[in-house]
PDB file of N, CA and C in Angstrom:
ATOM      1  N   UNK A   1     -41.628 -21.993  53.515  1.00  0.00           N
ATOM      2  CA  UNK A   1     -40.813 -22.619  54.541  1.00  0.00           C
ATOM      3  C   UNK A   1     -40.324 -21.556  55.492  1.00  0.00           C
ATOM      4  N   UNK A   2     -40.412 -21.839  56.759  1.00  0.00           N
ATOM      5  CA  UNK A   2     -40.019 -20.900  57.808  1.00  0.00           C
ATOM      6  C   UNK A   2     -38.497 -20.820  57.911  1.00  0.00           C
ATOM      7  N   UNK A   3     -38.017 -19.657  58.154  1.00  0.00           N
ATOM      8  CA  UNK A   3     -36.601 -19.490  58.331  1.00  0.00           C
ATOM      9  C   UNK A   3     -36.245 -19.698  59.812  1.00  0.00           C
ATOM     10  N   UNK A   4     -35.049 -20.201  60.026  1.00  0.00           N
ATOM     11  CA  UNK A   4     -34.552 -20.390  61.359  1.00  0.00           C
ATOM     12  C   UNK A   4     -33.375 -19.467  61.562  1.00  0.00           C
ATOM     13  N   UNK A   5     -33.360 -18.830  62.723  1.00  0.00           N
ATOM     14  CA  UNK A   5     -32.311 -17.881  63.030  1.00  0.00           C
ATOM     15  C   UNK A   5     -31.503 -18.310  64.201  1.00  0.00           C
ATOM     16  N   UNK A   6     -30.310 -17.847  64.299  1.00  0.00           N
ATOM     17  CA  UNK A   6     -29.435 -18.110  65.425  1.00  0.00           C
ATOM     18  C   UNK A   6     -28.950 -16.759  65.943  1.00  0.00           C
ATOM     19  N   UNK A   7     -28.955 -16.641  67.241  1.00  0.00           N
ATOM     20  CA  UNK A   7     -28.528 -15.382  67.892  1.00  0.00           C
ATOM     21  C   UNK A   7     -27.306 -15.710  68.747  1.00  0.00           C
ATOM     22  N   UNK A   8     -26.198 -15.074  68.427  1.00  0.00           N
ATOM     23  CA  UNK A   8     -24.992 -15.230  69.235  1.00  0.00           C
ATOM     24  C   UNK A   8     -24.559 -13.853  69.656  1.00  0.00           C
ATOM     25  N   UNK A   9     -24.567 -13.641  70.960  1.00  0.00           N
ATOM     26  CA  UNK A   9     -24.117 -12.363  71.534  1.00  0.00           C
ATOM     27  C   UNK A   9     -24.838 -11.173  70.918  1.00  0.00           C
ATOM     28  N   UNK A  10     -26.119 -11.331  70.697  1.00  0.00           N
ATOM     29  CA  UNK A  10     -26.905 -10.247  70.184  1.00  0.00           C
ATOM     30  C   UNK A  10     -26.916 -10.093  68.659  1.00  0.00           C
ATOM     31  N   UNK A  11     -26.150 -10.871  67.969  1.00  0.00           N
ATOM     32  CA  UNK A  11     -26.125 -10.832  66.508  1.00  0.00           C
ATOM     33  C   UNK A  11     -26.935 -11.983  65.979  1.00  0.00           C
ATOM     34  N   UNK A  12     -27.953 -11.683  65.191  1.00  0.00           N
ATOM     35  CA  UNK A  12     -28.843 -12.726  64.669  1.00  0.00           C
ATOM     36  C   UNK A  12     -28.605 -12.939  63.179  1.00  0.00           C
ATOM     37  N   UNK A  13     -28.559 -14.228  62.770  1.00  0.00           N
ATOM     38  CA  UNK A  13     -28.366 -14.564  61.365  1.00  0.00           C
ATOM     39  C   UNK A  13     -29.262 -15.748  60.999  1.00  0.00           C
ATOM     40  N   UNK A  14     -29.535 -15.850  59.705  1.00  0.00           N
ATOM     41  CA  UNK A  14     -30.281 -16.942  59.138  1.00  0.00           C
ATOM     42  C   UNK A  14     -29.389 -18.191  59.154  1.00  0.00           C
ATOM     43  N   UNK A  15     -29.841 -19.269  59.740  1.00  0.00           N
ATOM     44  CA  UNK A  15     -29.044 -20.514  59.841  1.00  0.00           C
ATOM     45  C   UNK A  15     -28.771 -21.127  58.460  1.00  0.00           C
ATOM     46  N   UNK A  16     -29.673 -20.921  57.501  1.00  0.00           N
ATOM     47  CA  UNK A  16     -29.515 -21.588  56.215  1.00  0.00           C
ATOM     48  C   UNK A  16     -28.227 -21.105  55.508  1.00  0.00           C
ATOM     49  N   UNK A  17     -27.663 -19.986  55.883  1.00  0.00           N
ATOM     50  CA  UNK A  17     -26.462 -19.518  55.200  1.00  0.00           C
ATOM     51  C   UNK A  17     -25.209 -19.820  56.052  1.00  0.00           C
ATOM     52  N   UNK A  18     -25.357 -20.610  57.136  1.00  0.00           N
ATOM     53  CA  UNK A  18     -24.226 -20.837  58.027  1.00  0.00           C
ATOM     54  C   UNK A  18     -23.860 -22.322  58.147  1.00  0.00           C
ATOM     55  N   UNK A  19     -22.646 -22.569  58.488  1.00  0.00           N
ATOM     56  CA  UNK A  19     -22.213 -23.897  58.903  1.00  0.00           C
ATOM     57  C   UNK A  19     -22.200 -23.867  60.402  1.00  0.00           C
ATOM     58  N   UNK A  20     -23.035 -24.696  61.036  1.00  0.00           N
ATOM     59  CA  UNK A  20     -23.234 -24.668  62.470  1.00  0.00           C
ATOM     60  C   UNK A  20     -22.800 -25.999  63.065  1.00  0.00           C
ATOM     61  N   UNK A  21     -22.096 -25.999  64.180  1.00  0.00           N
ATOM     62  CA  UNK A  21     -21.715 -27.267  64.816  1.00  0.00           C
ATOM     63  C   UNK A  21     -22.905 -28.139  65.178  1.00  0.00           C
ATOM     64  N   UNK A  22     -22.783 -29.439  64.960  1.00  0.00           N
ATOM     65  CA  UNK A  22     -23.871 -30.322  65.323  1.00  0.00           C
ATOM     66  C   UNK A  22     -23.948 -30.549  66.840  1.00  0.00           C
ATOM     67  N   UNK A  23     -22.810 -30.513  67.485  1.00  0.00           N
ATOM     68  CA  UNK A  23     -22.714 -30.716  68.911  1.00  0.00           C
ATOM     69  C   UNK A  23     -22.965 -29.381  69.642  1.00  0.00           C
ATOM     70  N   UNK A  24     -23.937 -29.375  70.522  1.00  0.00           N
ATOM     71  CA  UNK A  24     -24.317 -28.118  71.221  1.00  0.00           C
ATOM     72  C   UNK A  24     -23.711 -28.058  72.655  1.00  0.00           C
ATOM     73  N   UNK A  25     -22.775 -28.956  72.947  1.00  0.00           N
ATOM     74  CA  UNK A  25     -22.200 -28.971  74.296  1.00  0.00           C
ATOM     75  C   UNK A  25     -21.687 -27.597  74.724  1.00  0.00           C
ATOM     76  N   UNK A  26     -20.979 -26.965  73.814  1.00  0.00           N
ATOM     77  CA  UNK A  26     -20.404 -25.658  74.151  1.00  0.00           C
ATOM     78  C   UNK A  26     -21.118 -24.538  73.414  1.00  0.00           C
ATOM     79  N   UNK A  27     -22.442 -24.628  73.330  1.00  0.00           N
ATOM     80  CA  UNK A  27     -23.276 -23.631  72.654  1.00  0.00           C
ATOM     81  C   UNK A  27     -23.003 -22.246  73.163  1.00  0.00           C
ATOM     82  N   UNK A  28     -22.743 -22.111  74.437  1.00  0.00           N
ATOM     83  CA  UNK A  28     -22.448 -20.809  75.021  1.00  0.00           C
ATOM     84  C   UNK A  28     -21.102 -20.218  74.579  1.00  0.00           C
ATOM     85  N   UNK A  29     -20.290 -21.005  73.864  1.00  0.00           N
ATOM     86  CA  UNK A  29     -19.016 -20.527  73.404  1.00  0.00           C
ATOM     87  C   UNK A  29     -19.002 -20.298  71.879  1.00  0.00           C
ATOM     88  N   UNK A  30     -20.176 -20.411  71.268  1.00  0.00           N
ATOM     89  CA  UNK A  30     -20.252 -20.226  69.813  1.00  0.00           C
ATOM     90  C   UNK A  30     -19.971 -18.762  69.482  1.00  0.00           C
ATOM     91  N   UNK A  31     -19.329 -18.589  68.285  1.00  0.00           N
ATOM     92  CA  UNK A  31     -19.107 -17.249  67.736  1.00  0.00           C
ATOM     93  C   UNK A  31     -19.156 -17.334  66.214  1.00  0.00           C
ATOM     94  N   UNK A  32     -19.488 -16.234  65.626  1.00  0.00           N
ATOM     95  CA  UNK A  32     -19.510 -16.181  64.148  1.00  0.00           C
ATOM     96  C   UNK A  32     -18.121 -15.948  63.621  1.00  0.00           C
ATOM     97  N   UNK A  33     -17.763 -16.671  62.585  1.00  0.00           N
ATOM     98  CA  UNK A  33     -16.516 -16.423  61.852  1.00  0.00           C
ATOM     99  C   UNK A  33     -16.901 -16.506  60.370  1.00  0.00           C
ATOM    100  N   UNK A  34     -17.350 -15.400  59.825  1.00  0.00           N
ATOM    101  CA  UNK A  34     -17.845 -15.404  58.467  1.00  0.00           C
ATOM    102  C   UNK A  34     -19.143 -16.181  58.417  1.00  0.00           C
ATOM    103  N   UNK A  35     -19.168 -17.205  57.532  1.00  0.00           N
ATOM    104  CA  UNK A  35     -20.399 -18.040  57.413  1.00  0.00           C
ATOM    105  C   UNK A  35     -20.338 -19.313  58.269  1.00  0.00           C
ATOM    106  N   UNK A  36     -19.376 -19.341  59.182  1.00  0.00           N
ATOM    107  CA  UNK A  36     -19.203 -20.534  60.039  1.00  0.00           C
ATOM    108  C   UNK A  36     -19.401 -20.113  61.473  1.00  0.00           C
ATOM    109  N   UNK A  37     -20.046 -20.992  62.220  1.00  0.00           N
ATOM    110  CA  UNK A  37     -20.187 -20.804  63.626  1.00  0.00           C
ATOM    111  C   UNK A  37     -19.113 -21.717  64.254  1.00  0.00           C
ATOM    112  N   UNK A  38     -18.198 -21.092  64.998  1.00  0.00           N
ATOM    113  CA  UNK A  38     -17.112 -21.818  65.628  1.00  0.00           C
ATOM    114  C   UNK A  38     -17.220 -21.752  67.152  1.00  0.00           C
ATOM    115  N   UNK A  39     -16.501 -22.649  67.776  1.00  0.00           N
ATOM    116  CA  UNK A  39     -16.439 -22.659  69.239  1.00  0.00           C
ATOM    117  C   UNK A  39     -15.199 -21.878  69.670  1.00  0.00           C
ATOM    118  N   UNK A  40     -15.438 -20.847  70.475  1.00  0.00           N
ATOM    119  CA  UNK A  40     -14.316 -20.098  71.063  1.00  0.00           C
ATOM    120  C   UNK A  40     -13.807 -21.005  72.238  1.00  0.00           C
ATOM    121  N   UNK A  41     -12.586 -21.503  72.044  1.00  0.00           N
ATOM    122  CA  UNK A  41     -12.065 -22.502  72.966  1.00  0.00           C
ATOM    123  C   UNK A  41     -11.815 -21.915  74.375  1.00  0.00           C
ATOM    124  N   UNK A  42     -11.469 -20.660  74.496  1.00  0.00           N
ATOM    125  CA  UNK A  42     -11.269 -20.103  75.829  1.00  0.00           C
ATOM    126  C   UNK A  42     -12.561 -20.103  76.618  1.00  0.00           C
ATOM    127  N   UNK A  43     -13.634 -19.730  75.968  1.00  0.00           N
ATOM    128  CA  UNK A  43     -14.968 -19.759  76.587  1.00  0.00           C
ATOM    129  C   UNK A  43     -15.403 -21.187  76.857  1.00  0.00           C
ATOM    130  N   UNK A  44     -15.147 -22.064  75.908  1.00  0.00           N
ATOM    131  CA  UNK A  44     -15.496 -23.503  76.085  1.00  0.00           C
ATOM    132  C   UNK A  44     -14.772 -24.076  77.320  1.00  0.00           C
ATOM    133  N   UNK A  45     -13.533 -23.693  77.498  1.00  0.00           N
ATOM    134  CA  UNK A  45     -12.799 -24.183  78.674  1.00  0.00           C
ATOM    135  C   UNK A  45     -13.448 -23.720  79.966  1.00  0.00           C
ATOM    136  N   UNK A  46     -13.885 -22.478  79.961  1.00  0.00           N
ATOM    137  CA  UNK A  46     -14.596 -21.953  81.191  1.00  0.00           C
ATOM    138  C   UNK A  46     -15.887 -22.696  81.406  1.00  0.00           C
ATOM    139  N   UNK A  47     -16.644 -22.991  80.344  1.00  0.00           N
ATOM    140  CA  UNK A  47     -17.874 -23.734  80.483  1.00  0.00           C
ATOM    141  C   UNK A  47     -17.567 -25.135  81.008  1.00  0.00           C
ATOM    142  N   UNK A  48     -16.527 -25.740  80.468  1.00  0.00           N
ATOM    143  CA  UNK A  48     -16.179 -27.112  80.886  1.00  0.00           C
ATOM    144  C   UNK A  48     -15.742 -27.127  82.351  1.00  0.00           C
ATOM    145  N   UNK A  49     -15.026 -26.123  82.796  1.00  0.00           N
ATOM    146  CA  UNK A  49     -14.644 -26.064  84.199  1.00  0.00           C
ATOM    147  C   UNK A  49     -15.872 -25.934  85.079  1.00  0.00           C
ATOM    148  N   UNK A  50     -16.856 -25.130  84.681  1.00  0.00           N
ATOM    149  CA  UNK A  50     -18.076 -24.992  85.481  1.00  0.00           C
ATOM    150  C   UNK A  50     -18.847 -26.320  85.508  1.00  0.00           C
ATOM    151  N   UNK A  51     -18.846 -27.031  84.387  1.00  0.00           N
ATOM    152  CA  UNK A  51     -19.542 -28.343  84.340  1.00  0.00           C
ATOM    153  C   UNK A  51     -18.813 -29.331  85.247  1.00  0.00           C
ATOM    154  N   UNK A  52     -17.511 -29.298  85.282  1.00  0.00           N
ATOM    155  CA  UNK A  52     -16.758 -30.182  86.182  1.00  0.00           C
ATOM    156  C   UNK A  52     -17.031 -29.842  87.649  1.00  0.00           C
ATOM    157  N   UNK A  53     -17.151 -28.568  87.962  1.00  0.00           N
ATOM    158  CA  UNK A  53     -17.462 -28.148  89.326  1.00  0.00           C
ATOM    159  C   UNK A  53     -18.829 -28.711  89.724  1.00  0.00           C
ATOM    160  N   UNK A  54     -19.772 -28.634  88.853  1.00  0.00           N
ATOM    161  CA  UNK A  54     -21.122 -29.154  89.165  1.00  0.00           C
ATOM    162  C   UNK A  54     -21.095 -30.656  89.325  1.00  0.00           C
ATOM    163  N   UNK A  55     -20.309 -31.330  88.479  1.00  0.00           N
ATOM    164  CA  UNK A  55     -20.221 -32.788  88.537  1.00  0.00           C
ATOM    165  C   UNK A  55     -19.551 -33.286  89.832  1.00  0.00           C
ATOM    166  N   UNK A  56     -18.566 -32.542  90.304  1.00  0.00           N
ATOM    167  CA  UNK A  56     -17.842 -32.984  91.474  1.00  0.00           C
ATOM    168  C   UNK A  56     -18.538 -32.646  92.785  1.00  0.00           C
ATOM    169  N   UNK A  57     -19.502 -31.789  92.789  1.00  0.00           N
ATOM    170  CA  UNK A  57     -20.213 -31.369  94.010  1.00  0.00           C
ATOM    171  C   UNK A  57     -20.777 -32.535  94.808  1.00  0.00           C
ATOM    172  N   UNK A  58     -21.487 -33.482  94.185  1.00  0.00           N
ATOM    173  CA  UNK A  58     -21.948 -34.615  95.001  1.00  0.00           C
ATOM    174  C   UNK A  58     -20.836 -35.472  95.600  1.00  0.00           C
ATOM    175  N   UNK A  59     -19.708 -35.522  94.906  1.00  0.00           N
ATOM    176  CA  UNK A  59     -18.581 -36.297  95.463  1.00  0.00           C
ATOM    177  C   UNK A  59     -18.032 -35.609  96.706  1.00  0.00           C
ATOM    178  N   UNK A  60     -18.028 -34.264  96.701  1.00  0.00           N
ATOM    179  CA  UNK A  60     -17.612 -33.572  97.902  1.00  0.00           C
ATOM    180  C   UNK A  60     -18.547 -33.860  99.067  1.00  0.00           C
ATOM    181  N   UNK A  61     -19.838 -33.875  98.781  1.00  0.00           N
ATOM    182  CA  UNK A  61     -20.782 -34.167  99.866  1.00  0.00           C
ATOM    183  C   UNK A  61     -20.552 -35.543 100.457  1.00  0.00           C
ATOM    184  N   UNK A  62     -20.328 -36.538  99.580  1.00  0.00           N
ATOM    185  CA  UNK A  62     -20.075 -37.883 100.060  1.00  0.00           C
ATOM    186  C   UNK A  62     -18.775 -37.955 100.881  1.00  0.00           C
ATOM    187  N   UNK A  63     -17.754 -37.268 100.390  1.00  0.00           N
ATOM    188  CA  UNK A  63     -16.467 -37.285 101.115  1.00  0.00           C
ATOM    189  C   UNK A  63     -16.577 -36.533 102.455  1.00  0.00           C
ATOM    190  N   UNK A  64     -17.364 -35.473 102.493  1.00  0.00           N
ATOM    191  CA  UNK A  64     -17.609 -34.762 103.751  1.00  0.00           C
ATOM    192  C   UNK A  64     -18.240 -35.709 104.800  1.00  0.00           C
ATOM    193  N   UNK A  65     -19.235 -36.451 104.344  1.00  0.00           N
ATOM    194  CA  UNK A  65     -19.905 -37.410 105.227  1.00  0.00           C
ATOM    195  C   UNK A  65     -18.895 -38.476 105.721  1.00  0.00           C
ATOM    196  N   UNK A  66     -18.095 -38.939 104.799  1.00  0.00           N
ATOM    197  CA  UNK A  66     -17.064 -39.983 105.163  1.00  0.00           C
ATOM    198  C   UNK A  66     -16.084 -39.377 106.170  1.00  0.00           C
ATOM    199  N   UNK A  67     -15.679 -38.117 105.964  1.00  0.00           N
ATOM    200  CA  UNK A  67     -14.707 -37.481 106.851  1.00  0.00           C
ATOM    201  C   UNK A  67     -15.302 -37.377 108.249  1.00  0.00           C
ATOM    202  N   UNK A  68     -16.547 -36.958 108.353  1.00  0.00           N
ATOM    203  CA  UNK A  68     -17.139 -36.833 109.673  1.00  0.00           C
ATOM    204  C   UNK A  68     -17.289 -38.192 110.353  1.00  0.00           C
ATOM    205  N   UNK A  69     -17.561 -39.239 109.637  1.00  0.00           N
ATOM    206  CA  UNK A  69     -17.579 -40.555 110.202  1.00  0.00           C
ATOM    207  C   UNK A  69     -16.171 -40.935 110.759  1.00  0.00           C
ATOM    208  N   UNK A  70     -15.173 -40.637 109.973  1.00  0.00           N
ATOM    209  CA  UNK A  70     -13.823 -40.902 110.394  1.00  0.00           C
ATOM    210  C   UNK A  70     -13.428 -40.074 111.625  1.00  0.00           C
ATOM    211  N   UNK A  71     -13.895 -38.849 111.668  1.00  0.00           N
ATOM    212  CA  UNK A  71     -13.607 -37.973 112.803  1.00  0.00           C
ATOM    213  C   UNK A  71     -14.289 -38.498 114.097  1.00  0.00           C
ATOM    214  N   UNK A  72     -15.497 -39.050 113.921  1.00  0.00           N
ATOM    215  CA  UNK A  72     -16.197 -39.582 115.092  1.00  0.00           C
ATOM    216  C   UNK A  72     -15.455 -40.759 115.719  1.00  0.00           C
ATOM    217  N   UNK A  73     -14.740 -41.492 114.883  1.00  0.00           N
ATOM    218  CA  UNK A  73     -13.990 -42.643 115.398  1.00  0.00           C
ATOM    219  C   UNK A  73     -12.531 -42.359 115.595  1.00  0.00           C
ATOM    220  N   UNK A  74     -12.186 -41.068 115.356  1.00  0.00           N
ATOM    221  CA  UNK A  74     -10.813 -40.614 115.505  1.00  0.00           C
ATOM    222  C   UNK A  74      -9.845 -41.386 114.609  1.00  0.00           C
ATOM    223  N   UNK A  75     -10.304 -41.715 113.387  1.00  0.00           N
ATOM    224  CA  UNK A  75      -9.489 -42.422 112.384  1.00  0.00           C
ATOM    225  C   UNK A  75      -8.705 -41.382 111.553  1.00  0.00           C
ATOM    226  N   UNK A  76      -7.582 -40.970 112.056  1.00  0.00           N
ATOM    227  CA  UNK A  76      -6.818 -39.939 111.394  1.00  0.00           C
ATOM    228  C   UNK A  76      -6.318 -40.388 110.033  1.00  0.00           C
ATOM    229  N   UNK A  77      -6.016 -41.655 109.859  1.00  0.00           N
ATOM    230  CA  UNK A  77      -5.549 -42.137 108.565  1.00  0.00           C
ATOM    231  C   UNK A  77      -6.644 -41.969 107.492  1.00  0.00           C
ATOM    232  N   UNK A  78      -7.880 -42.301 107.847  1.00  0.00           N
ATOM    233  CA  UNK A  78      -9.005 -42.164 106.934  1.00  0.00           C
ATOM    234  C   UNK A  78      -9.229 -40.657 106.641  1.00  0.00           C
ATOM    235  N   UNK A  79      -9.128 -39.847 107.669  1.00  0.00           N
ATOM    236  CA  UNK A  79      -9.332 -38.401 107.482  1.00  0.00           C
ATOM    237  C   UNK A  79      -8.299 -37.855 106.501  1.00  0.00           C
ATOM    238  N   UNK A  80      -7.038 -38.286 106.636  1.00  0.00           N
ATOM    239  CA  UNK A  80      -6.008 -37.813 105.733  1.00  0.00           C
ATOM    240  C   UNK A  80      -6.236 -38.274 104.300  1.00  0.00           C
ATOM    241  N   UNK A  81      -6.670 -39.515 104.161  1.00  0.00           N
ATOM    242  CA  UNK A  81      -6.941 -40.073 102.817  1.00  0.00           C
ATOM    243  C   UNK A  81      -8.122 -39.301 102.164  1.00  0.00           C
ATOM    244  N   UNK A  82      -9.129 -39.043 102.932  1.00  0.00           N
ATOM    245  CA  UNK A  82     -10.283 -38.294 102.419  1.00  0.00           C
ATOM    246  C   UNK A  82      -9.881 -36.860 102.065  1.00  0.00           C
ATOM    247  N   UNK A  83      -9.049 -36.223 102.882  1.00  0.00           N
ATOM    248  CA  UNK A  83      -8.581 -34.867 102.601  1.00  0.00           C
ATOM    249  C   UNK A  83      -7.825 -34.879 101.285  1.00  0.00           C
ATOM    250  N   UNK A  84      -7.010 -35.890 101.016  1.00  0.00           N
ATOM    251  CA  UNK A  84      -6.265 -35.983  99.786  1.00  0.00           C
ATOM    252  C   UNK A  84      -7.202 -36.139  98.579  1.00  0.00           C
ATOM    253  N   UNK A  85      -8.255 -36.928  98.748  1.00  0.00           N
ATOM    254  CA  UNK A  85      -9.238 -37.098  97.671  1.00  0.00           C
ATOM    255  C   UNK A  85      -9.961 -35.790  97.372  1.00  0.00           C
ATOM    256  N   UNK A  86     -10.282 -35.036  98.416  1.00  0.00           N
ATOM    257  CA  UNK A  86     -10.960 -33.748  98.229  1.00  0.00           C
ATOM    258  C   UNK A  86     -10.034 -32.753  97.533  1.00  0.00           C
ATOM    259  N   UNK A  87      -8.744 -32.773  97.878  1.00  0.00           N
ATOM    260  CA  UNK A  87      -7.824 -31.871  97.217  1.00  0.00           C
ATOM    261  C   UNK A  87      -7.674 -32.238  95.737  1.00  0.00           C
ATOM    262  N   UNK A  88      -7.667 -33.503  95.440  1.00  0.00           N
ATOM    263  CA  UNK A  88      -7.560 -33.955  94.031  1.00  0.00           C
ATOM    264  C   UNK A  88      -8.801 -33.447  93.272  1.00  0.00           C
ATOM    265  N   UNK A  89      -9.945 -33.477  93.877  1.00  0.00           N
ATOM    266  CA  UNK A  89     -11.145 -32.948  93.232  1.00  0.00           C
ATOM    267  C   UNK A  89     -11.055 -31.454  93.007  1.00  0.00           C
ATOM    268  N   UNK A  90     -10.489 -30.717  93.981  1.00  0.00           N
ATOM    269  CA  UNK A  90     -10.311 -29.294  93.829  1.00  0.00           C
ATOM    270  C   UNK A  90      -9.354 -28.966  92.687  1.00  0.00           C
ATOM    271  N   UNK A  91      -8.323 -29.786  92.533  1.00  0.00           N
ATOM    272  CA  UNK A  91      -7.259 -29.533  91.534  1.00  0.00           C
ATOM    273  C   UNK A  91      -7.743 -29.829  90.098  1.00  0.00           C
ATOM    274  N   UNK A  92      -8.833 -30.547  89.931  1.00  0.00           N
ATOM    275  CA  UNK A  92      -9.283 -30.934  88.601  1.00  0.00           C
ATOM    276  C   UNK A  92      -9.454 -29.759  87.656  1.00  0.00           C
ATOM    277  N   UNK A  93     -10.029 -28.680  88.156  1.00  0.00           N
ATOM    278  CA  UNK A  93     -10.325 -27.548  87.251  1.00  0.00           C
ATOM    279  C   UNK A  93      -9.074 -26.780  86.860  1.00  0.00           C
ATOM    280  N   UNK A  94      -7.953 -27.013  87.491  1.00  0.00           N
ATOM    281  CA  UNK A  94      -6.705 -26.351  87.101  1.00  0.00           C
ATOM    282  C   UNK A  94      -5.787 -27.307  86.351  1.00  0.00           C
ATOM    283  N   UNK A  95      -6.286 -28.464  85.955  1.00  0.00           N
ATOM    284  CA  UNK A  95      -5.477 -29.440  85.236  1.00  0.00           C
ATOM    285  C   UNK A  95      -4.990 -28.835  83.904  1.00  0.00           C
ATOM    286  N   UNK A  96      -3.747 -28.967  83.613  1.00  0.00           N
ATOM    287  CA  UNK A  96      -3.168 -28.396  82.396  1.00  0.00           C
ATOM    288  C   UNK A  96      -3.750 -28.976  81.117  1.00  0.00           C
ATOM    289  N   UNK A  97      -4.278 -30.143  81.179  1.00  0.00           N
ATOM    290  CA  UNK A  97      -4.879 -30.757  79.985  1.00  0.00           C
ATOM    291  C   UNK A  97      -6.104 -29.959  79.479  1.00  0.00           C
ATOM    292  N   UNK A  98      -6.776 -29.294  80.384  1.00  0.00           N
ATOM    293  CA  UNK A  98      -7.901 -28.467  79.946  1.00  0.00           C
ATOM    294  C   UNK A  98      -7.433 -27.317  79.086  1.00  0.00           C
ATOM    295  N   UNK A  99      -6.377 -26.641  79.505  1.00  0.00           N
ATOM    296  CA  UNK A  99      -5.833 -25.543  78.727  1.00  0.00           C
ATOM    297  C   UNK A  99      -5.189 -26.041  77.410  1.00  0.00           C
ATOM    298  N   UNK A 100      -4.690 -27.272  77.417  1.00  0.00           N
ATOM    299  CA  UNK A 100      -4.048 -27.831  76.234  1.00  0.00           C
ATOM    300  C   UNK A 100      -5.032 -28.355  75.190  1.00  0.00           C
ATOM    301  N   UNK A 101      -6.299 -28.558  75.577  1.00  0.00           N
ATOM    302  CA  UNK A 101      -7.285 -29.063  74.659  1.00  0.00           C
ATOM    303  C   UNK A 101      -7.471 -28.054  73.510  1.00  0.00           C
ATOM    304  N   UNK A 102      -7.285 -28.559  72.265  1.00  0.00           N
ATOM    305  CA  UNK A 102      -7.345 -27.666  71.110  1.00  0.00           C
ATOM    306  C   UNK A 102      -8.671 -27.703  70.390  1.00  0.00           C
ATOM    307  N   UNK A 103      -9.501 -28.701  70.684  1.00  0.00           N
ATOM    308  CA  UNK A 103     -10.795 -28.850  70.023  1.00  0.00           C
ATOM    309  C   UNK A 103     -11.859 -29.120  71.042  1.00  0.00           C
ATOM    310  N   UNK A 104     -13.120 -28.895  70.709  1.00  0.00           N
ATOM    311  CA  UNK A 104     -14.197 -29.246  71.627  1.00  0.00           C
ATOM    312  C   UNK A 104     -14.225 -30.723  71.981  1.00  0.00           C
ATOM    313  N   UNK A 105     -13.935 -31.584  71.017  1.00  0.00           N
ATOM    314  CA  UNK A 105     -13.929 -33.014  71.282  1.00  0.00           C
ATOM    315  C   UNK A 105     -12.849 -33.391  72.301  1.00  0.00           C
ATOM    316  N   UNK A 106     -11.681 -32.804  72.166  1.00  0.00           N
ATOM    317  CA  UNK A 106     -10.598 -33.033  73.139  1.00  0.00           C
ATOM    318  C   UNK A 106     -11.044 -32.585  74.517  1.00  0.00           C
ATOM    319  N   UNK A 107     -11.718 -31.474  74.602  1.00  0.00           N
ATOM    320  CA  UNK A 107     -12.175 -30.922  75.869  1.00  0.00           C
ATOM    321  C   UNK A 107     -13.257 -31.848  76.459  1.00  0.00           C
ATOM    322  N   UNK A 108     -14.201 -32.275  75.674  1.00  0.00           N
ATOM    323  CA  UNK A 108     -15.263 -33.152  76.150  1.00  0.00           C
ATOM    324  C   UNK A 108     -14.679 -34.478  76.665  1.00  0.00           C
ATOM    325  N   UNK A 109     -13.557 -34.926  76.156  1.00  0.00           N
ATOM    326  CA  UNK A 109     -12.986 -36.169  76.603  1.00  0.00           C
ATOM    327  C   UNK A 109     -12.372 -36.067  77.984  1.00  0.00           C
ATOM    328  N   UNK A 110     -12.167 -34.847  78.472  1.00  0.00           N
ATOM    329  CA  UNK A 110     -11.596 -34.644  79.771  1.00  0.00           C
ATOM    330  C   UNK A 110     -12.678 -34.628  80.832  1.00  0.00           C
ATOM    331  N   UNK A 111     -13.260 -35.787  81.042  1.00  0.00           N
ATOM    332  CA  UNK A 111     -14.328 -35.948  82.026  1.00  0.00           C
ATOM    333  C   UNK A 111     -13.703 -35.937  83.424  1.00  0.00           C
ATOM    334  N   UNK A 112     -14.535 -35.794  84.419  1.00  0.00           N
ATOM    335  CA  UNK A 112     -14.077 -35.807  85.797  1.00  0.00           C
ATOM    336  C   UNK A 112     -13.292 -37.109  86.103  1.00  0.00           C
ATOM    337  N   UNK A 113     -13.841 -38.250  85.675  1.00  0.00           N
ATOM    338  CA  UNK A 113     -13.147 -39.501  85.891  1.00  0.00           C
ATOM    339  C   UNK A 113     -11.825 -39.581  85.133  1.00  0.00           C
ATOM    340  N   UNK A 114     -11.784 -39.037  83.916  1.00  0.00           N
ATOM    341  CA  UNK A 114     -10.531 -39.097  83.140  1.00  0.00           C
ATOM    342  C   UNK A 114      -9.477 -38.201  83.803  1.00  0.00           C
ATOM    343  N   UNK A 115      -9.859 -37.057  84.333  1.00  0.00           N
ATOM    344  CA  UNK A 115      -8.952 -36.175  84.982  1.00  0.00           C
ATOM    345  C   UNK A 115      -8.480 -36.713  86.322  1.00  0.00           C
ATOM    346  N   UNK A 116      -9.328 -37.440  86.985  1.00  0.00           N
ATOM    347  CA  UNK A 116      -8.990 -38.001  88.300  1.00  0.00           C
ATOM    348  C   UNK A 116      -8.166 -39.247  88.164  1.00  0.00           C
ATOM    349  N   UNK A 117      -8.283 -39.933  87.010  1.00  0.00           N
ATOM    350  CA  UNK A 117      -7.626 -41.219  86.804  1.00  0.00           C
ATOM    351  C   UNK A 117      -6.192 -41.144  86.740  1.00  0.00           C
TER     352      UNK A 117
END
């Protein structure tokens, strides 16, 4: 039977002797803690913020298009509303709930829609 290995930050170990998370969402935040592979929550938060940034990018593009349409018609009320929506999107990655998340599951629950809601 072939052995399977896991490499975390240059350290390689045989998986058969480890307890490894089933969820690979925060694979980039894994670290060894004895015979257990754990998620480093500080790194997981950084990964989650990057994922949120990628997820919000198309929304910014749509809002930019809407803003330019409003500018063409000199609809300052629409421009202000769109500017507020864009600021809310910018603020998502600094939401205190991200720092307060104690587990990977809590962090995963903080989707873009949940944070915007």
